[in-house]
Every structure is written in C-alpha cells, then in structure tokens.
Amino acid sequence: MSGTRASGTGASGIGASGIGRFLRANPLIATGGVIALLIVLIAVVAPLVVPYPADAGAATHPEIALQAPSAQHLFGTDQVGRDVFSRVLAGARVSPVVALFVLLISCVVGISLGVLAGYFGGVTDEIIMRITDIFLAFPPLLLALAFATVLPANLTSLTIAIAISWWPWYTRLVRGQAASVAGRPYVEACRALGIPSWRILLRHVLPNSVTPVIVQVSLDVGGVILTASALSFLGLGAQDPTPDWGLMVAEGQNYFTTQWWLVTFPGLAILITALAFNLLGDGLRDVLDPRRVLIR
C-alpha cells in the first residue's frame, strides 16, 4: 500500500513539473492562455462584478456625463453618464461570444464541405472548391461588410455576415487533410470491406483531418473579434445600448481629443483580447507543427 501511494505521489509531481516545463518552454502559450482565461472568467462573472449593472444597459445619468476616471468610476463615464468600466466588463460577454458563434458556424460548414471534397474528389471536389474560391476571391472584411450592409444591424446579422466570409478558409484547410487521409491504406481497406462512406467519413477521415483546425481556430479568434469590432464601429453590428467594444469606440470618437477614456479603454480591451488569442494560436502552431517537432 505504501509503495502504491509513493508511486501515485511521484506521478502527480512529475505531471505538475511536466506542465511547468512545458509552459516555460512555450511562453507564447503561457502568456496567451493566462490572458485568454482571464477574459473568459471576466465574461462569466461579469454580472457579479460589474459595479453599475444598469449602466451596461439603457440607463442614463446626464448629471455625471463625461466625467474623468476617478475612484467611483475607474474608466470614467460616457456621453450619457454610464460607467465605462462597467460597460467594458460587460463587453467581454459580447465580442468573444460573437467570435465563438462565428467560428462554430464556420467550422461546421467549412469542415463538412472540406471533408466531402477531400474524400470523394472528382466532380464533388470541383464544385465545392470552385464555390470556395469565389468566396476566397474577396477579402474577408470586405465580404462581411457587404453582407452586413444588406442585413438588419444587430448581433445576429453580424455573426452571420462574418461567418459567411470565414468558412472557406476551413474548407480549404480540411480538404487537403481529408484528401491525404482518404488515400491511406486503412481507408482503402474500409472501402474494400464494403463499409458505408458515411461511417468511413465519421470514424476515420474526419477525426484525422481536423487537427490543423484547432490551431487555426485559436488564431482566428482575434481576427474575428477585430472584424466584429470594425463592423460595429461602422454601425453595422451591435446597437446602443449593447456594451460592444467596437460600438463604444465609435460612440466616443467625437470626444477623443478631450475625453480620451471613452475610446482608450474599450480599444485596449479589443487589443488585449485579440493579442491574447493570437499569442495562444502562435504558441499552439509552434508546438503542433510537425516540422518543428522533427527539428527538435
């Protein structure tokens, strides 16, 4: 019994030290992961820690409008007297959530089409990839702007518009992986045994084709947040009183020279969030890149 306990303790110690060595050897993952985790925690507990919950909504306080940062209002107040700190914290539940749904939709559509194109090839591959090329011919921001312009200005339309411009990247990424997996001996053996294509796709091709997507998603979180903020800044996304960071920057731009805090703090929130997920994605790419593993 004592030997078993010692063995278990040793295993735990090795696990903890192994994690520590991994994080020290990969500072990008450590830095990005800590900041990203903090942002997620803020989004989860925002309703509990926001000092002025009503200011995250439609409340107005004209008598304290445009006050500079102080002990009562850490980030100052906006043009209608709302606490900017409360709205920045509440905004952590808007932009990252939009990014989550955009990437979820993009992955579902892009991965599905990419797997079908890579596995079946031929006419199916040509049709899917030519449609994908049409979407890829336009810059994502421009394409999202075009769709957001014709849709009602709200967060749902914003999510759909960005997702429409984002899925082709996953289709192209997964298609190459799926085509490679589809030609491997074990997949050929499955075909020879008469296993239905849908089972081969779900049990063999799909699981072995999505590894690059993990890195790409972590890299794309920052890009989607920046795109969503840009569209909200142009008035094509969230609408007042939604505490969206891009919208807050747009509303404060006319006061920038005198009331700098209106655009500085929501702008920093956008910058820090995008930077955190970019650092995390870069670190994951370095760790999972097989060429770097071979070099090491």
C-alpha atoms as a PDB file:
ATOM      1  CA  MET A   1       0.000   0.000   0.000  1.00  0.00           C
ATOM      2  CA  SER A   2       2.790   2.420   0.871  1.00  0.00           C
ATOM      3  CA  GLY A   3       4.509   1.663  -2.422  1.00  0.00           C
ATOM      4  CA  THR A   4       1.304   2.454  -4.287  1.00  0.00           C
ATOM      5  CA  ARG A   5       0.939   5.780  -2.507  1.00  0.00           C
ATOM      6  CA  ALA A   6       4.504   6.758  -3.285  1.00  0.00           C
ATOM      7  CA  SER A   7       4.034   5.862  -6.907  1.00  0.00           C
ATOM      8  CA  GLY A   8       0.875   7.970  -7.140  1.00  0.00           C
ATOM      9  CA  THR A   9       2.544  10.943  -5.483  1.00  0.00           C
ATOM     10  CA  GLY A  10       5.509  10.680  -7.804  1.00  0.00           C
ATOM     11  CA  ALA A  11       3.248  10.576 -10.851  1.00  0.00           C
ATOM     12  CA  SER A  12       1.422  13.701  -9.704  1.00  0.00           C
ATOM     13  CA  GLY A  13       4.677  15.510  -9.085  1.00  0.00           C
ATOM     14  CA  ILE A  14       6.012  14.549 -12.491  1.00  0.00           C
ATOM     15  CA  GLY A  15       2.762  15.719 -14.100  1.00  0.00           C
ATOM     16  CA  ALA A  16       2.909  19.095 -12.386  1.00  0.00           C
ATOM     17  CA  SER A  17       6.594  19.592 -13.150  1.00  0.00           C
ATOM     18  CA  GLY A  18       5.986  18.485 -16.730  1.00  0.00           C
ATOM     19  CA  ILE A  19       3.291  21.120 -17.153  1.00  0.00           C
ATOM     20  CA  GLY A  20       5.596  23.715 -15.639  1.00  0.00           C
ATOM     21  CA  ARG A  21       8.433  22.812 -18.017  1.00  0.00           C
ATOM     22  CA  PHE A  22       6.028  22.876 -20.957  1.00  0.00           C
ATOM     23  CA  LEU A  23       4.792  26.372 -20.085  1.00  0.00           C
ATOM     24  CA  ARG A  24       8.333  27.665 -19.505  1.00  0.00           C
ATOM     25  CA  ALA A  25       9.402  26.232 -22.854  1.00  0.00           C
ATOM     26  CA  ASN A  26       6.369  27.784 -24.579  1.00  0.00           C
ATOM     27  CA  PRO A  27       5.952  31.316 -23.193  1.00  0.00           C
ATOM     28  CA  LEU A  28       3.539  32.278 -26.005  1.00  0.00           C
ATOM     29  CA  ILE A  29       1.066  29.630 -24.901  1.00  0.00           C
ATOM     30  CA  ALA A  30       1.529  30.546 -21.239  1.00  0.00           C
ATOM     31  CA  THR A  31       1.027  34.277 -21.795  1.00  0.00           C
ATOM     32  CA  GLY A  32      -1.822  33.973 -24.262  1.00  0.00           C
ATOM     33  CA  GLY A  33      -3.514  31.239 -22.260  1.00  0.00           C
ATOM     34  CA  VAL A  34      -3.446  33.181 -19.000  1.00  0.00           C
ATOM     35  CA  ILE A  35      -4.838  36.349 -20.575  1.00  0.00           C
ATOM     36  CA  ALA A  36      -7.455  34.430 -22.568  1.00  0.00           C
ATOM     37  CA  LEU A  37      -8.514  32.531 -19.440  1.00  0.00           C
ATOM     38  CA  LEU A  38      -8.808  35.822 -17.551  1.00  0.00           C
ATOM     39  CA  ILE A  39     -11.025  37.260 -20.289  1.00  0.00           C
ATOM     40  CA  VAL A  40     -13.241  34.175 -20.225  1.00  0.00           C
ATOM     41  CA  LEU A  41     -13.517  34.412 -16.421  1.00  0.00           C
ATOM     42  CA  ILE A  42     -14.465  38.084 -16.681  1.00  0.00           C
ATOM     43  CA  ALA A  43     -17.154  37.198 -19.210  1.00  0.00           C
ATOM     44  CA  VAL A  44     -18.534  34.501 -16.908  1.00  0.00           C
ATOM     45  CA  VAL A  45     -18.570  36.543 -13.703  1.00  0.00           C
ATOM     46  CA  ALA A  46     -19.281  39.945 -15.276  1.00  0.00           C
ATOM     47  CA  PRO A  47     -22.859  40.173 -13.920  1.00  0.00           C
ATOM     48  CA  LEU A  48     -21.494  39.644 -10.412  1.00  0.00           C
ATOM     49  CA  VAL A  49     -18.561  42.066 -10.522  1.00  0.00           C
ATOM     50  CA  VAL A  50     -19.872  44.922 -12.658  1.00  0.00           C
ATOM     51  CA  PRO A  51     -20.102  47.884 -10.244  1.00  0.00           C
ATOM     52  CA  TYR A  52     -23.044  49.517 -12.039  1.00  0.00           C
ATOM     53  CA  PRO A  53     -25.091  46.768 -13.746  1.00  0.00           C
ATOM     54  CA  ALA A  54     -27.736  49.169 -15.059  1.00  0.00           C
ATOM     55  CA  ASP A  55     -25.042  51.095 -16.956  1.00  0.00           C
ATOM     56  CA  ALA A  56     -24.391  48.007 -19.075  1.00  0.00           C
ATOM     57  CA  GLY A  57     -27.902  48.539 -20.429  1.00  0.00           C
ATOM     58  CA  ALA A  58     -30.074  51.531 -21.230  1.00  0.00           C
ATOM     59  CA  ALA A  59     -29.580  53.520 -18.007  1.00  0.00           C
ATOM     60  CA  THR A  60     -28.574  57.189 -18.393  1.00  0.00           C
ATOM     61  CA  HIS A  61     -27.185  59.693 -15.901  1.00  0.00           C
ATOM     62  CA  PRO A  62     -26.845  63.060 -17.681  1.00  0.00           C
ATOM     63  CA  GLU A  63     -25.754  64.799 -14.481  1.00  0.00           C
ATOM     64  CA  ILE A  64     -22.445  62.858 -14.426  1.00  0.00           C
ATOM     65  CA  ALA A  65     -21.802  62.656 -18.171  1.00  0.00           C
ATOM     66  CA  LEU A  66     -18.197  62.714 -19.434  1.00  0.00           C
ATOM     67  CA  GLN A  67     -16.547  62.540 -16.023  1.00  0.00           C
ATOM     68  CA  ALA A  68     -12.860  61.642 -15.999  1.00  0.00           C
ATOM     69  CA  PRO A  69     -11.623  58.394 -14.395  1.00  0.00           C
ATOM     70  CA  SER A  70     -11.936  58.502 -10.621  1.00  0.00           C
ATOM     71  CA  ALA A  71     -12.318  56.261  -7.591  1.00  0.00           C
ATOM     72  CA  GLN A  72     -16.067  55.992  -8.224  1.00  0.00           C
ATOM     73  CA  HIS A  73     -15.747  55.462 -11.964  1.00  0.00           C
ATOM     74  CA  LEU A  74     -12.410  53.791 -12.726  1.00  0.00           C
ATOM     75  CA  PHE A  75     -12.704  54.320 -16.506  1.00  0.00           C
ATOM     76  CA  GLY A  76     -14.778  57.496 -16.319  1.00  0.00           C
ATOM     77  CA  THR A  77     -18.299  57.966 -17.686  1.00  0.00           C
ATOM     78  CA  ASP A  78     -19.559  58.240 -21.241  1.00  0.00           C
ATOM     79  CA  GLN A  79     -21.624  60.887 -23.004  1.00  0.00           C
ATOM     80  CA  VAL A  80     -24.840  59.878 -21.210  1.00  0.00           C
ATOM     81  CA  GLY A  81     -23.250  59.243 -17.808  1.00  0.00           C
ATOM     82  CA  ARG A  82     -22.831  55.481 -17.955  1.00  0.00           C
ATOM     83  CA  ASP A  83     -19.875  53.896 -16.175  1.00  0.00           C
ATOM     84  CA  VAL A  84     -17.308  52.936 -18.842  1.00  0.00           C
ATOM     85  CA  PHE A  85     -15.673  50.321 -16.607  1.00  0.00           C
ATOM     86  CA  SER A  86     -18.993  48.502 -16.212  1.00  0.00           C
ATOM     87  CA  ARG A  87     -19.603  48.582 -19.944  1.00  0.00           C
ATOM     88  CA  VAL A  88     -16.097  47.326 -20.774  1.00  0.00           C
ATOM     89  CA  LEU A  89     -16.521  44.384 -18.393  1.00  0.00           C
ATOM     90  CA  ALA A  90     -19.964  43.626 -19.807  1.00  0.00           C
ATOM     91  CA  GLY A  91     -18.496  43.843 -23.307  1.00  0.00           C
ATOM     92  CA  ALA A  92     -16.481  40.716 -22.551  1.00  0.00           C
ATOM     93  CA  ARG A  93     -19.800  38.876 -22.934  1.00  0.00           C
ATOM     94  CA  VAL A  94     -20.420  40.342 -26.404  1.00  0.00           C
ATOM     95  CA  SER A  95     -17.378  40.350 -28.709  1.00  0.00           C
ATOM     96  CA  PRO A  96     -15.900  36.990 -27.587  1.00  0.00           C
ATOM     97  CA  VAL A  97     -19.354  35.366 -27.783  1.00  0.00           C
ATOM     98  CA  VAL A  98     -19.805  36.689 -31.321  1.00  0.00           C
ATOM     99  CA  ALA A  99     -16.391  35.214 -32.184  1.00  0.00           C
ATOM    100  CA  LEU A 100     -17.417  31.885 -30.634  1.00  0.00           C
ATOM    101  CA  PHE A 101     -20.567  31.575 -32.742  1.00  0.00           C
ATOM    102  CA  VAL A 102     -18.830  32.798 -35.903  1.00  0.00           C
ATOM    103  CA  LEU A 103     -16.135  30.159 -35.564  1.00  0.00           C
ATOM    104  CA  LEU A 104     -18.655  27.480 -34.619  1.00  0.00           C
ATOM    105  CA  ILE A 105     -20.709  28.141 -37.760  1.00  0.00           C
ATOM    106  CA  SER A 106     -17.595  28.449 -39.897  1.00  0.00           C
ATOM    107  CA  CYS A 107     -16.175  25.163 -38.596  1.00  0.00           C
ATOM    108  CA  VAL A 108     -19.413  23.232 -39.056  1.00  0.00           C
ATOM    109  CA  VAL A 109     -19.844  24.433 -42.639  1.00  0.00           C
ATOM    110  CA  GLY A 110     -16.175  24.548 -43.615  1.00  0.00           C
ATOM    111  CA  ILE A 111     -15.130  21.219 -42.120  1.00  0.00           C
ATOM    112  CA  SER A 112     -18.160  19.397 -43.544  1.00  0.00           C
ATOM    113  CA  LEU A 113     -17.574  20.692 -47.067  1.00  0.00           C
ATOM    114  CA  GLY A 114     -13.809  20.158 -46.826  1.00  0.00           C
ATOM    115  CA  VAL A 115     -14.174  16.538 -45.741  1.00  0.00           C
ATOM    116  CA  LEU A 116     -16.672  15.800 -48.532  1.00  0.00           C
ATOM    117  CA  ALA A 117     -14.452  17.445 -51.155  1.00  0.00           C
ATOM    118  CA  GLY A 118     -11.296  15.677 -49.984  1.00  0.00           C
ATOM    119  CA  TYR A 119     -12.838  12.236 -49.586  1.00  0.00           C
ATOM    120  CA  PHE A 120     -14.972  11.985 -52.730  1.00  0.00           C
ATOM    121  CA  GLY A 121     -12.817  14.111 -55.064  1.00  0.00           C
ATOM    122  CA  GLY A 122     -13.833  14.364 -58.711  1.00  0.00           C
ATOM    123  CA  VAL A 123     -16.915  16.431 -59.515  1.00  0.00           C
ATOM    124  CA  THR A 124     -17.815  16.902 -55.847  1.00  0.00           C
ATOM    125  CA  ASP A 125     -14.371  18.317 -55.147  1.00  0.00           C
ATOM    126  CA  GLU A 126     -14.506  20.623 -58.176  1.00  0.00           C
ATOM    127  CA  ILE A 127     -17.922  22.062 -57.337  1.00  0.00           C
ATOM    128  CA  ILE A 128     -17.148  22.661 -53.664  1.00  0.00           C
ATOM    129  CA  MET A 129     -13.699  24.128 -54.248  1.00  0.00           C
ATOM    130  CA  ARG A 130     -14.793  26.416 -57.090  1.00  0.00           C
ATOM    131  CA  ILE A 131     -17.531  27.846 -54.869  1.00  0.00           C
ATOM    132  CA  THR A 132     -14.950  28.199 -52.119  1.00  0.00           C
ATOM    133  CA  ASP A 133     -12.598  30.033 -54.489  1.00  0.00           C
ATOM    134  CA  ILE A 134     -15.349  32.529 -55.319  1.00  0.00           C
ATOM    135  CA  PHE A 135     -15.661  33.452 -51.644  1.00  0.00           C
ATOM    136  CA  LEU A 136     -11.889  33.495 -51.167  1.00  0.00           C
ATOM    137  CA  ALA A 137     -11.533  35.952 -54.049  1.00  0.00           C
ATOM    138  CA  PHE A 138     -12.815  38.720 -51.747  1.00  0.00           C
ATOM    139  CA  PRO A 139     -11.074  39.996 -48.602  1.00  0.00           C
ATOM    140  CA  PRO A 140     -12.977  38.673 -45.548  1.00  0.00           C
ATOM    141  CA  LEU A 141     -13.646  42.126 -44.108  1.00  0.00           C
ATOM    142  CA  LEU A 142     -14.978  43.435 -47.423  1.00  0.00           C
ATOM    143  CA  LEU A 143     -17.215  40.396 -47.907  1.00  0.00           C
ATOM    144  CA  ALA A 144     -18.517  40.603 -44.332  1.00  0.00           C
ATOM    145  CA  LEU A 145     -19.144  44.325 -44.831  1.00  0.00           C
ATOM    146  CA  ALA A 146     -21.176  43.637 -47.970  1.00  0.00           C
ATOM    147  CA  PHE A 147     -23.407  41.075 -46.256  1.00  0.00           C
ATOM    148  CA  ALA A 148     -23.744  43.140 -43.067  1.00  0.00           C
ATOM    149  CA  THR A 149     -24.907  46.108 -45.150  1.00  0.00           C
ATOM    150  CA  VAL A 150     -27.909  44.239 -46.578  1.00  0.00           C
ATOM    151  CA  LEU A 151     -28.848  42.561 -43.277  1.00  0.00           C
ATOM    152  CA  PRO A 152     -30.505  44.262 -40.282  1.00  0.00           C
ATOM    153  CA  ALA A 153     -27.984  45.907 -37.977  1.00  0.00           C
ATOM    154  CA  ASN A 154     -27.803  43.587 -34.958  1.00  0.00           C
ATOM    155  CA  LEU A 155     -25.525  40.975 -33.427  1.00  0.00           C
ATOM    156  CA  THR A 156     -27.243  38.055 -35.167  1.00  0.00           C
ATOM    157  CA  SER A 157     -26.741  39.618 -38.595  1.00  0.00           C
ATOM    158  CA  LEU A 158     -23.171  40.497 -37.657  1.00  0.00           C
ATOM    159  CA  THR A 159     -22.449  36.885 -36.727  1.00  0.00           C
ATOM    160  CA  ILE A 160     -23.960  35.560 -39.959  1.00  0.00           C
ATOM    161  CA  ALA A 161     -22.136  38.111 -42.119  1.00  0.00           C
ATOM    162  CA  ILE A 162     -18.715  37.267 -40.665  1.00  0.00           C
ATOM    163  CA  ALA A 163     -19.375  33.508 -40.752  1.00  0.00           C
ATOM    164  CA  ILE A 164     -20.220  33.725 -44.463  1.00  0.00           C
ATOM    165  CA  SER A 165     -16.809  35.243 -45.117  1.00  0.00           C
ATOM    166  CA  TRP A 166     -14.911  32.883 -42.800  1.00  0.00           C
ATOM    167  CA  TRP A 167     -15.967  29.297 -43.623  1.00  0.00           C
ATOM    168  CA  PRO A 168     -13.989  28.973 -46.929  1.00  0.00           C
ATOM    169  CA  TRP A 169     -10.673  29.037 -45.073  1.00  0.00           C
ATOM    170  CA  TYR A 170     -11.630  25.928 -43.114  1.00  0.00           C
ATOM    171  CA  THR A 171     -12.923  24.188 -46.220  1.00  0.00           C
ATOM    172  CA  ARG A 172      -9.608  24.642 -47.998  1.00  0.00           C
ATOM    173  CA  LEU A 173      -7.602  23.653 -44.910  1.00  0.00           C
ATOM    174  CA  VAL A 174      -9.580  20.476 -44.203  1.00  0.00           C
ATOM    175  CA  ARG A 175      -9.916  19.468 -47.851  1.00  0.00           C
ATOM    176  CA  GLY A 176      -6.161  18.901 -48.198  1.00  0.00           C
ATOM    177  CA  GLN A 177      -6.031  16.865 -44.989  1.00  0.00           C
ATOM    178  CA  ALA A 178      -9.081  14.790 -45.952  1.00  0.00           C
ATOM    179  CA  ALA A 179      -7.670  14.040 -49.420  1.00  0.00           C
ATOM    180  CA  SER A 180      -4.471  12.794 -47.795  1.00  0.00           C
ATOM    181  CA  VAL A 181      -6.331  10.600 -45.296  1.00  0.00           C
ATOM    182  CA  ALA A 182      -8.668   9.239 -47.989  1.00  0.00           C
ATOM    183  CA  GLY A 183      -5.705   7.722 -49.837  1.00  0.00           C
ATOM    184  CA  ARG A 184      -4.246   5.863 -46.865  1.00  0.00           C
ATOM    185  CA  PRO A 185      -4.284   2.036 -46.772  1.00  0.00           C
ATOM    186  CA  TYR A 186      -6.656   1.667 -43.837  1.00  0.00           C
ATOM    187  CA  VAL A 187      -9.280   3.811 -45.594  1.00  0.00           C
ATOM    188  CA  GLU A 188      -8.846   1.747 -48.776  1.00  0.00           C
ATOM    189  CA  ALA A 189      -9.288  -1.381 -46.652  1.00  0.00           C
ATOM    190  CA  CYS A 190     -12.528   0.008 -45.235  1.00  0.00           C
ATOM    191  CA  ARG A 191     -13.823   0.607 -48.741  1.00  0.00           C
ATOM    192  CA  ALA A 192     -12.828  -2.910 -49.785  1.00  0.00           C
ATOM    193  CA  LEU A 193     -14.763  -4.342 -46.829  1.00  0.00           C
ATOM    194  CA  GLY A 194     -17.880  -2.517 -48.005  1.00  0.00           C
ATOM    195  CA  ILE A 195     -18.137  -0.161 -45.043  1.00  0.00           C
ATOM    196  CA  PRO A 196     -20.533   2.701 -45.895  1.00  0.00           C
ATOM    197  CA  SER A 197     -18.925   6.001 -46.861  1.00  0.00           C
ATOM    198  CA  TRP A 198     -20.640   7.901 -44.069  1.00  0.00           C
ATOM    199  CA  ARG A 199     -19.076   5.616 -41.452  1.00  0.00           C
ATOM    200  CA  ILE A 200     -15.638   5.976 -43.019  1.00  0.00           C
ATOM    201  CA  LEU A 201     -16.056   9.753 -43.041  1.00  0.00           C
ATOM    202  CA  LEU A 202     -17.167   9.985 -39.417  1.00  0.00           C
ATOM    203  CA  ARG A 203     -14.850   7.381 -37.884  1.00  0.00           C
ATOM    204  CA  HIS A 204     -11.666   7.749 -39.924  1.00  0.00           C
ATOM    205  CA  VAL A 205     -11.479  10.740 -42.271  1.00  0.00           C
ATOM    206  CA  LEU A 206     -12.993  13.439 -40.069  1.00  0.00           C
ATOM    207  CA  PRO A 207     -11.064  12.699 -36.831  1.00  0.00           C
ATOM    208  CA  ASN A 208      -7.773  12.610 -38.737  1.00  0.00           C
ATOM    209  CA  SER A 209      -8.439  15.798 -40.695  1.00  0.00           C
ATOM    210  CA  VAL A 210      -9.325  18.349 -38.021  1.00  0.00           C
ATOM    211  CA  THR A 211      -6.015  18.690 -36.155  1.00  0.00           C
ATOM    212  CA  PRO A 212      -4.916  21.829 -38.090  1.00  0.00           C
ATOM    213  CA  VAL A 213      -8.318  23.372 -37.377  1.00  0.00           C
ATOM    214  CA  ILE A 214      -7.534  23.574 -33.650  1.00  0.00           C
ATOM    215  CA  VAL A 215      -4.593  25.877 -34.292  1.00  0.00           C
ATOM    216  CA  GLN A 216      -6.439  27.858 -36.941  1.00  0.00           C
ATOM    217  CA  VAL A 217      -9.425  28.487 -34.669  1.00  0.00           C
ATOM    218  CA  SER A 218      -7.194  29.814 -31.881  1.00  0.00           C
ATOM    219  CA  LEU A 219      -5.523  32.128 -34.393  1.00  0.00           C
ATOM    220  CA  ASP A 220      -8.850  33.281 -35.839  1.00  0.00           C
ATOM    221  CA  VAL A 221     -10.477  34.327 -32.561  1.00  0.00           C
ATOM    222  CA  GLY A 222      -8.547  37.597 -32.542  1.00  0.00           C
ATOM    223  CA  GLY A 223      -9.266  38.228 -36.222  1.00  0.00           C
ATOM    224  CA  VAL A 224     -12.991  37.662 -35.783  1.00  0.00           C
ATOM    225  CA  ILE A 225     -13.118  39.985 -32.768  1.00  0.00           C
ATOM    226  CA  LEU A 226     -11.324  42.691 -34.758  1.00  0.00           C
ATOM    227  CA  THR A 227     -13.698  42.207 -37.705  1.00  0.00           C
ATOM    228  CA  ALA A 228     -16.769  42.301 -35.466  1.00  0.00           C
ATOM    229  CA  SER A 229     -15.488  45.437 -33.734  1.00  0.00           C
ATOM    230  CA  ALA A 230     -14.800  47.099 -37.088  1.00  0.00           C
ATOM    231  CA  LEU A 231     -18.324  46.384 -38.336  1.00  0.00           C
ATOM    232  CA  SER A 232     -19.839  47.588 -35.056  1.00  0.00           C
ATOM    233  CA  PHE A 233     -17.689  50.710 -35.334  1.00  0.00           C
ATOM    234  CA  LEU A 234     -19.289  51.323 -38.747  1.00  0.00           C
ATOM    235  CA  GLY A 235     -22.765  50.897 -37.262  1.00  0.00           C
ATOM    236  CA  LEU A 236     -23.422  47.516 -38.882  1.00  0.00           C
ATOM    237  CA  GLY A 237     -23.290  45.359 -35.772  1.00  0.00           C
ATOM    238  CA  ALA A 238     -24.354  45.897 -32.192  1.00  0.00           C
ATOM    239  CA  GLN A 239     -26.603  48.863 -31.499  1.00  0.00           C
ATOM    240  CA  ASP A 240     -26.824  51.075 -28.431  1.00  0.00           C
ATOM    241  CA  PRO A 241     -27.244  50.316 -25.542  1.00  0.00           C
ATOM    242  CA  THR A 242     -25.414  46.990 -26.162  1.00  0.00           C
ATOM    243  CA  PRO A 243     -21.966  47.279 -24.482  1.00  0.00           C
ATOM    244  CA  ASP A 244     -19.989  46.262 -27.561  1.00  0.00           C
ATOM    245  CA  TRP A 245     -16.361  47.404 -27.575  1.00  0.00           C
ATOM    246  CA  GLY A 246     -16.384  48.453 -31.242  1.00  0.00           C
ATOM    247  CA  LEU A 247     -19.591  50.401 -30.765  1.00  0.00           C
ATOM    248  CA  MET A 248     -18.159  52.105 -27.679  1.00  0.00           C
ATOM    249  CA  VAL A 249     -15.136  53.261 -29.699  1.00  0.00           C
ATOM    250  CA  ALA A 250     -17.452  54.582 -32.419  1.00  0.00           C
ATOM    251  CA  GLU A 251     -19.577  56.484 -29.907  1.00  0.00           C
ATOM    252  CA  GLY A 252     -16.534  58.025 -28.246  1.00  0.00           C
ATOM    253  CA  GLN A 253     -14.589  59.048 -31.348  1.00  0.00           C
ATOM    254  CA  ASN A 254     -16.053  62.564 -31.387  1.00  0.00           C
ATOM    255  CA  TYR A 255     -14.808  63.140 -27.847  1.00  0.00           C
ATOM    256  CA  PHE A 256     -11.348  61.631 -28.269  1.00  0.00           C
ATOM    257  CA  THR A 257      -9.349  64.868 -28.046  1.00  0.00           C
ATOM    258  CA  THR A 258     -10.934  65.914 -24.745  1.00  0.00           C
ATOM    259  CA  GLN A 259     -12.426  62.767 -23.164  1.00  0.00           C
ATOM    260  CA  TRP A 260      -9.768  60.225 -24.141  1.00  0.00           C
ATOM    261  CA  TRP A 261     -11.063  57.481 -21.846  1.00  0.00           C
ATOM    262  CA  LEU A 262     -14.173  56.884 -23.979  1.00  0.00           C
ATOM    263  CA  VAL A 263     -12.172  55.209 -26.759  1.00  0.00           C
ATOM    264  CA  THR A 264      -8.985  54.215 -24.933  1.00  0.00           C
ATOM    265  CA  PHE A 265     -10.374  51.581 -22.566  1.00  0.00           C
ATOM    266  CA  PRO A 266     -12.683  49.716 -24.984  1.00  0.00           C
ATOM    267  CA  GLY A 267      -9.902  49.956 -27.587  1.00  0.00           C
ATOM    268  CA  LEU A 268      -7.446  48.383 -25.146  1.00  0.00           C
ATOM    269  CA  ALA A 269      -9.969  45.621 -24.431  1.00  0.00           C
ATOM    270  CA  ILE A 270     -10.116  44.806 -28.147  1.00  0.00           C
ATOM    271  CA  LEU A 271      -6.323  44.935 -28.452  1.00  0.00           C
ATOM    272  CA  ILE A 272      -5.606  42.765 -25.409  1.00  0.00           C
ATOM    273  CA  THR A 273      -8.207  40.147 -26.341  1.00  0.00           C
ATOM    274  CA  ALA A 274      -7.017  39.863 -29.943  1.00  0.00           C
ATOM    275  CA  LEU A 275      -3.380  39.761 -28.810  1.00  0.00           C
ATOM    276  CA  ALA A 276      -4.051  37.063 -26.207  1.00  0.00           C
ATOM    277  CA  PHE A 277      -5.654  34.663 -28.664  1.00  0.00           C
ATOM    278  CA  ASN A 278      -3.028  35.407 -31.318  1.00  0.00           C
ATOM    279  CA  LEU A 279      -0.273  34.551 -28.835  1.00  0.00           C
ATOM    280  CA  LEU A 280      -2.109  31.369 -27.877  1.00  0.00           C
ATOM    281  CA  GLY A 281      -2.562  30.406 -31.526  1.00  0.00           C
ATOM    282  CA  ASP A 282       1.059  31.121 -32.407  1.00  0.00           C
ATOM    283  CA  GLY A 283       2.222  29.011 -29.487  1.00  0.00           C
ATOM    284  CA  LEU A 284      -0.029  26.094 -30.435  1.00  0.00           C
ATOM    285  CA  ARG A 285       1.150  26.300 -34.035  1.00  0.00           C
ATOM    286  CA  ASP A 286       4.778  26.131 -32.944  1.00  0.00           C
ATOM    287  CA  VAL A 287       4.109  23.160 -30.678  1.00  0.00           C
ATOM    288  CA  LEU A 288       1.957  21.181 -33.117  1.00  0.00           C
ATOM    289  CA  ASP A 289       3.985  21.912 -36.259  1.00  0.00           C
ATOM    290  CA  PRO A 290       5.465  18.507 -37.187  1.00  0.00           C
ATOM    291  CA  ARG A 291       8.456  20.117 -38.896  1.00  0.00           C
ATOM    292  CA  ARG A 292       9.449  21.851 -35.651  1.00  0.00           C
ATOM    293  CA  VAL A 293       8.963  18.600 -33.741  1.00  0.00           C
ATOM    294  CA  LEU A 294      11.313  16.810 -36.154  1.00  0.00           C
ATOM    295  CA  ILE A 295      13.913  19.568 -35.806  1.00  0.00           C
ATOM    296  CA  ARG A 296      13.801  19.275 -32.011  1.00  0.00           C
END
